[in-house]
Amino acid sequence: MDGFAGLVGHPALWGGAMGLAGAGLGGMIGVMMGKPRPRLFSCLINATGGLMLAVSCFDLLPQAYMLSIPWGLMGLLLGVAMMLVADLIAHRYVGRDSMRRTGLLVALGIALHNLPEGLAIGSGYAEAPALGITLGALIALHDIPEGIAMAVPLRAAGMGVLPVLGMALLSGLPTGLGAYLGLLAGGVSQQMIALCLGLAGGAMLQITAQEMIPSAGELYTGWDANLMLALGVAAGSVVTLMLH
């Protein structure tokens, strides 16, 4: 029994640690950037928004559709709907502070994204422990730019360093939960993984289109900010391909 508990706990702890490390490091980098000037801030938001677009379009959604097109599409629509509802709630309780609202919605999107990543770690560990460990390390690298995308707007909105870092760490916890569930199930059904991946992809697409790109445009509309959006997509696509 102890051996089984240790076996189940190991990938969950590994997945949780990798989720915390990636999102936490990204959050720390975002905090260190402080409150940049509007032009630089617009470029940063567009670059991280481009990264999130690339993750959604070149990673999450293609994987979901390869597993199950109907379930992946269902997840995408659910993710978009969830972010629309979350935005309405944020408008009610956060008010007109668009930077704070953007940061909070990005944190929610990252948390949703990290659950299927954890499922991948746990399912990989169930197949071969070395595979689960490798996936965890790659996912930690994958989460760093997302942590930056969350931390920069929250700091710009005046949120303190410790709360921002706390939010970054909390967004990484679902990786551990997903890894535990993935191992416990000995490999979650393809339909459920497709649903989760589609949900995360739809949520991140909606956040980027609804919050990040418009917020960057409110700050500055020069050619360099628009270029950073394109470069963010390009860089994200390259990183995504390297991780597969």
Protein backbone atom coordinates (compact mmCIF):
# COMPACT_ATOMS: atom_id res chain seq x y z
CA MET A 1 0.00 0.00 0.00
CA ASP A 2 2.82 2.37 0.90
CA GLY A 3 4.54 1.57 -2.37
CA PHE A 4 1.36 2.32 -4.31
CA ALA A 5 0.86 5.60 -2.46
CA GLY A 6 4.44 6.56 -3.23
CA LEU A 7 3.96 5.65 -6.88
CA VAL A 8 0.79 7.76 -7.13
CA GLY A 9 2.28 10.65 -5.17
CA HIS A 10 5.52 10.92 -7.11
CA PRO A 11 4.17 12.15 -10.48
CA ALA A 12 1.64 14.35 -8.68
CA LEU A 13 4.42 16.00 -6.70
CA TRP A 14 6.60 16.21 -9.81
CA GLY A 15 3.79 17.69 -11.88
CA GLY A 16 2.91 20.16 -9.15
CA ALA A 17 6.54 21.16 -8.69
CA MET A 18 7.01 21.73 -12.42
CA GLY A 19 3.79 23.74 -12.67
CA LEU A 20 4.86 25.88 -9.71
CA ALA A 21 8.38 26.28 -11.08
CA GLY A 22 7.31 27.38 -14.57
CA ALA A 23 4.49 29.73 -13.59
CA GLY A 24 6.40 30.96 -10.54
CA LEU A 25 9.54 31.78 -12.51
CA GLY A 26 7.47 33.55 -15.15
CA GLY A 27 5.69 35.50 -12.43
CA MET A 28 9.01 36.46 -10.86
CA ILE A 29 10.35 37.73 -14.21
CA GLY A 30 7.15 39.72 -14.70
CA VAL A 31 7.48 41.23 -11.22
CA MET A 32 11.12 42.20 -11.88
CA MET A 33 9.99 44.13 -14.96
CA GLY A 34 8.14 46.48 -12.61
CA LYS A 35 5.87 49.03 -14.28
CA PRO A 36 7.31 49.73 -17.74
CA ARG A 37 6.44 52.79 -19.80
CA PRO A 38 3.29 52.52 -21.98
CA ARG A 39 5.21 51.87 -25.20
CA LEU A 40 7.33 49.07 -23.70
CA PHE A 41 4.35 47.72 -21.78
CA SER A 42 2.28 47.52 -24.97
CA CYS A 43 5.11 45.63 -26.68
CA LEU A 44 5.36 43.18 -23.76
CA ILE A 45 1.63 42.51 -23.68
CA ASN A 46 1.52 41.97 -27.44
CA ALA A 47 4.54 39.63 -27.30
CA THR A 48 3.05 37.51 -24.51
CA GLY A 49 -0.35 37.62 -26.23
CA GLY A 50 1.32 36.30 -29.37
CA LEU A 51 2.87 33.49 -27.34
CA MET A 52 -0.54 32.57 -25.94
CA LEU A 53 -2.05 32.58 -29.44
CA ALA A 54 0.70 30.24 -30.60
CA VAL A 55 0.19 27.88 -27.65
CA SER A 56 -3.53 27.73 -28.39
CA CYS A 57 -3.34 27.42 -32.19
CA PHE A 58 -0.21 25.28 -32.60
CA ASP A 59 -0.32 23.16 -29.44
CA LEU A 60 -3.54 22.85 -27.45
CA LEU A 61 -6.19 22.84 -30.19
CA PRO A 62 -4.34 20.60 -32.71
CA GLN A 63 -3.71 18.05 -29.95
CA ALA A 64 -7.37 18.19 -28.95
CA TYR A 65 -8.56 17.66 -32.55
CA MET A 66 -6.15 14.78 -33.11
CA LEU A 67 -7.73 13.00 -30.14
CA SER A 68 -11.36 13.88 -30.90
CA ILE A 69 -12.65 16.69 -33.10
CA PRO A 70 -16.17 16.79 -31.56
CA TRP A 71 -14.89 16.81 -27.97
CA GLY A 72 -12.13 19.28 -28.82
CA LEU A 73 -14.63 21.68 -30.41
CA MET A 74 -16.95 21.28 -27.45
CA GLY A 75 -14.09 22.15 -25.13
CA LEU A 76 -13.15 25.19 -27.23
CA LEU A 77 -16.71 26.57 -27.07
CA LEU A 78 -16.89 25.89 -23.34
CA GLY A 79 -13.58 27.67 -22.82
CA VAL A 80 -14.77 30.75 -24.74
CA ALA A 81 -18.07 30.78 -22.84
CA MET A 82 -16.28 30.39 -19.51
CA MET A 83 -14.04 33.39 -20.21
CA LEU A 84 -17.01 35.51 -21.29
CA VAL A 85 -18.75 34.73 -17.99
CA ALA A 86 -15.51 35.30 -16.05
CA ASP A 87 -15.12 38.67 -17.77
CA LEU A 88 -18.65 39.71 -16.76
CA ILE A 89 -17.89 38.73 -13.16
CA ALA A 90 -14.57 40.56 -13.27
CA HIS A 91 -16.28 43.70 -14.58
CA ARG A 92 -18.65 43.53 -11.63
CA TYR A 93 -16.07 42.99 -8.89
CA VAL A 94 -12.84 44.44 -10.36
CA GLY A 95 -14.43 47.41 -12.12
CA ARG A 96 -12.86 49.35 -14.98
CA ASP A 97 -9.27 48.48 -14.12
CA SER A 98 -8.51 46.71 -17.40
CA MET A 99 -4.95 45.75 -16.43
CA ARG A 100 -6.02 44.01 -13.22
CA ARG A 101 -8.89 42.31 -15.05
CA THR A 102 -6.55 41.12 -17.80
CA GLY A 103 -4.06 39.69 -15.29
CA LEU A 104 -6.76 37.85 -13.34
CA LEU A 105 -8.29 36.36 -16.50
CA VAL A 106 -4.87 35.27 -17.76
CA ALA A 107 -4.26 33.57 -14.39
CA LEU A 108 -7.54 31.68 -14.78
CA GLY A 109 -6.63 30.69 -18.34
CA ILE A 110 -3.22 29.41 -17.23
CA ALA A 111 -4.81 27.38 -14.45
CA LEU A 112 -7.22 25.79 -16.96
CA HIS A 113 -4.29 25.18 -19.31
CA ASN A 114 -2.23 23.46 -16.61
CA LEU A 115 -4.85 20.80 -15.82
CA PRO A 116 -4.57 18.96 -19.17
CA GLU A 117 -0.79 19.43 -19.06
CA GLY A 118 -0.85 17.61 -15.72
CA LEU A 119 -3.00 14.87 -17.24
CA ALA A 120 -0.29 14.43 -19.89
CA ILE A 121 2.39 14.09 -17.19
CA GLY A 122 0.39 11.51 -15.23
CA SER A 123 -0.62 9.53 -18.30
CA GLY A 124 2.98 9.59 -19.55
CA TYR A 125 4.22 8.39 -16.16
CA ALA A 126 1.69 5.55 -16.24
CA GLU A 127 3.17 4.47 -19.58
CA ALA A 128 6.84 5.04 -18.62
CA PRO A 129 8.15 7.01 -15.61
CA ALA A 130 10.92 8.62 -17.67
CA LEU A 131 8.33 9.95 -20.13
CA GLY A 132 6.34 11.60 -17.34
CA ILE A 133 9.47 13.20 -15.86
CA THR A 134 10.55 14.53 -19.27
CA LEU A 135 7.08 15.94 -20.00
CA GLY A 136 7.07 17.69 -16.62
CA ALA A 137 10.38 19.43 -17.32
CA LEU A 138 9.25 20.56 -20.78
CA ILE A 139 5.94 21.86 -19.43
CA ALA A 140 7.79 23.92 -16.82
CA LEU A 141 9.66 25.72 -19.62
CA HIS A 142 6.38 26.07 -21.49
CA ASP A 143 4.74 27.86 -18.53
CA ILE A 144 7.36 30.61 -18.07
CA PRO A 145 6.03 33.06 -20.72
CA GLU A 146 2.49 32.49 -19.47
CA GLY A 147 3.54 33.46 -15.95
CA ILE A 148 5.03 36.66 -17.39
CA ALA A 149 1.78 37.36 -19.28
CA MET A 150 -0.11 37.16 -15.99
CA ALA A 151 2.32 39.10 -13.78
CA VAL A 152 3.01 42.14 -15.98
CA PRO A 153 -0.57 43.49 -16.12
CA LEU A 154 -1.19 42.76 -12.45
CA ARG A 155 1.91 44.73 -11.44
CA ALA A 156 0.93 47.54 -13.81
CA ALA A 157 -2.46 47.65 -12.04
CA GLY A 158 -0.67 48.20 -8.72
CA MET A 159 -0.97 44.73 -7.18
CA GLY A 160 1.81 43.98 -4.68
CA VAL A 161 4.76 41.71 -5.41
CA LEU A 162 3.74 38.93 -3.00
CA PRO A 163 0.10 38.72 -4.19
CA VAL A 164 1.29 38.56 -7.82
CA LEU A 165 3.75 35.78 -7.02
CA GLY A 166 1.04 34.00 -5.04
CA MET A 167 -1.30 34.17 -8.03
CA ALA A 168 1.44 32.78 -10.28
CA LEU A 169 2.06 29.87 -7.93
CA LEU A 170 -1.65 29.10 -7.54
CA SER A 171 -2.04 28.97 -11.33
CA GLY A 172 0.58 26.19 -11.41
CA LEU A 173 -1.13 23.93 -8.85
CA PRO A 174 -3.61 22.31 -11.30
CA THR A 175 -0.63 20.64 -12.99
CA GLY A 176 -0.14 18.49 -9.89
CA LEU A 177 -3.85 17.67 -9.67
CA GLY A 178 -3.92 16.71 -13.35
CA ALA A 179 -0.82 14.52 -12.94
CA TYR A 180 -2.41 12.70 -10.00
CA LEU A 181 -5.64 12.09 -11.93
CA GLY A 182 -3.75 11.01 -15.05
CA LEU A 183 -1.74 8.39 -13.15
CA LEU A 184 -4.69 7.25 -11.04
CA ALA A 185 -6.72 6.58 -14.17
CA GLY A 186 -3.76 4.84 -15.82
CA GLY A 187 -4.29 7.12 -18.79
CA VAL A 188 -7.43 9.28 -19.02
CA SER A 189 -9.80 8.70 -21.95
CA GLN A 190 -8.93 10.48 -25.19
CA GLN A 191 -12.28 12.27 -25.21
CA MET A 192 -11.71 13.77 -21.76
CA ILE A 193 -8.19 14.93 -22.62
CA ALA A 194 -9.51 16.44 -25.88
CA LEU A 195 -12.20 18.28 -23.92
CA CYS A 196 -9.67 19.65 -21.42
CA LEU A 197 -7.22 20.70 -24.15
CA GLY A 198 -10.00 22.38 -26.14
CA LEU A 199 -11.23 24.13 -22.99
CA ALA A 200 -7.78 25.53 -22.26
CA GLY A 201 -7.21 26.52 -25.90
CA GLY A 202 -10.56 28.29 -26.18
CA ALA A 203 -10.03 30.11 -22.88
CA MET A 204 -6.60 31.37 -23.89
CA LEU A 205 -7.79 32.45 -27.35
CA GLN A 206 -10.64 34.41 -25.82
CA ILE A 207 -8.42 36.08 -23.21
CA THR A 208 -5.92 37.15 -25.87
CA ALA A 209 -8.54 38.53 -28.27
CA GLN A 210 -10.80 40.03 -25.61
CA GLU A 211 -8.30 41.47 -23.13
CA MET A 212 -4.63 41.40 -24.05
CA ILE A 213 -4.56 42.78 -27.59
CA PRO A 214 -7.14 45.53 -26.89
CA SER A 215 -5.31 46.50 -23.68
CA ALA A 216 -2.03 46.80 -25.57
CA GLY A 217 -3.75 48.98 -28.18
CA GLU A 218 -5.08 51.33 -25.49
CA LEU A 219 -1.53 51.94 -24.29
CA TYR A 220 0.26 52.40 -27.61
CA THR A 221 -0.50 51.68 -31.28
CA GLY A 222 2.89 52.00 -32.99
CA TRP A 223 4.32 49.61 -35.55
CA ASP A 224 6.78 48.13 -33.05
CA ALA A 225 3.98 46.96 -30.73
CA ASN A 226 2.21 45.30 -33.66
CA LEU A 227 5.49 43.71 -34.73
CA MET A 228 5.92 42.25 -31.23
CA LEU A 229 2.56 40.51 -31.56
CA ALA A 230 3.71 38.81 -34.77
CA LEU A 231 7.10 37.95 -33.26
CA GLY A 232 5.37 36.51 -30.19
CA VAL A 233 3.32 34.18 -32.40
CA ALA A 234 6.44 33.19 -34.36
CA ALA A 235 8.51 32.53 -31.23
CA GLY A 236 5.66 30.58 -29.62
CA SER A 237 5.24 28.40 -32.70
CA VAL A 238 8.95 27.57 -32.76
CA VAL A 239 9.04 26.73 -29.05
CA THR A 240 5.90 24.59 -29.40
CA LEU A 241 7.41 22.63 -32.30
CA MET A 242 10.65 22.12 -30.36
CA LEU A 243 8.72 20.63 -27.43
CA HIS A 244 7.00 18.00 -29.58
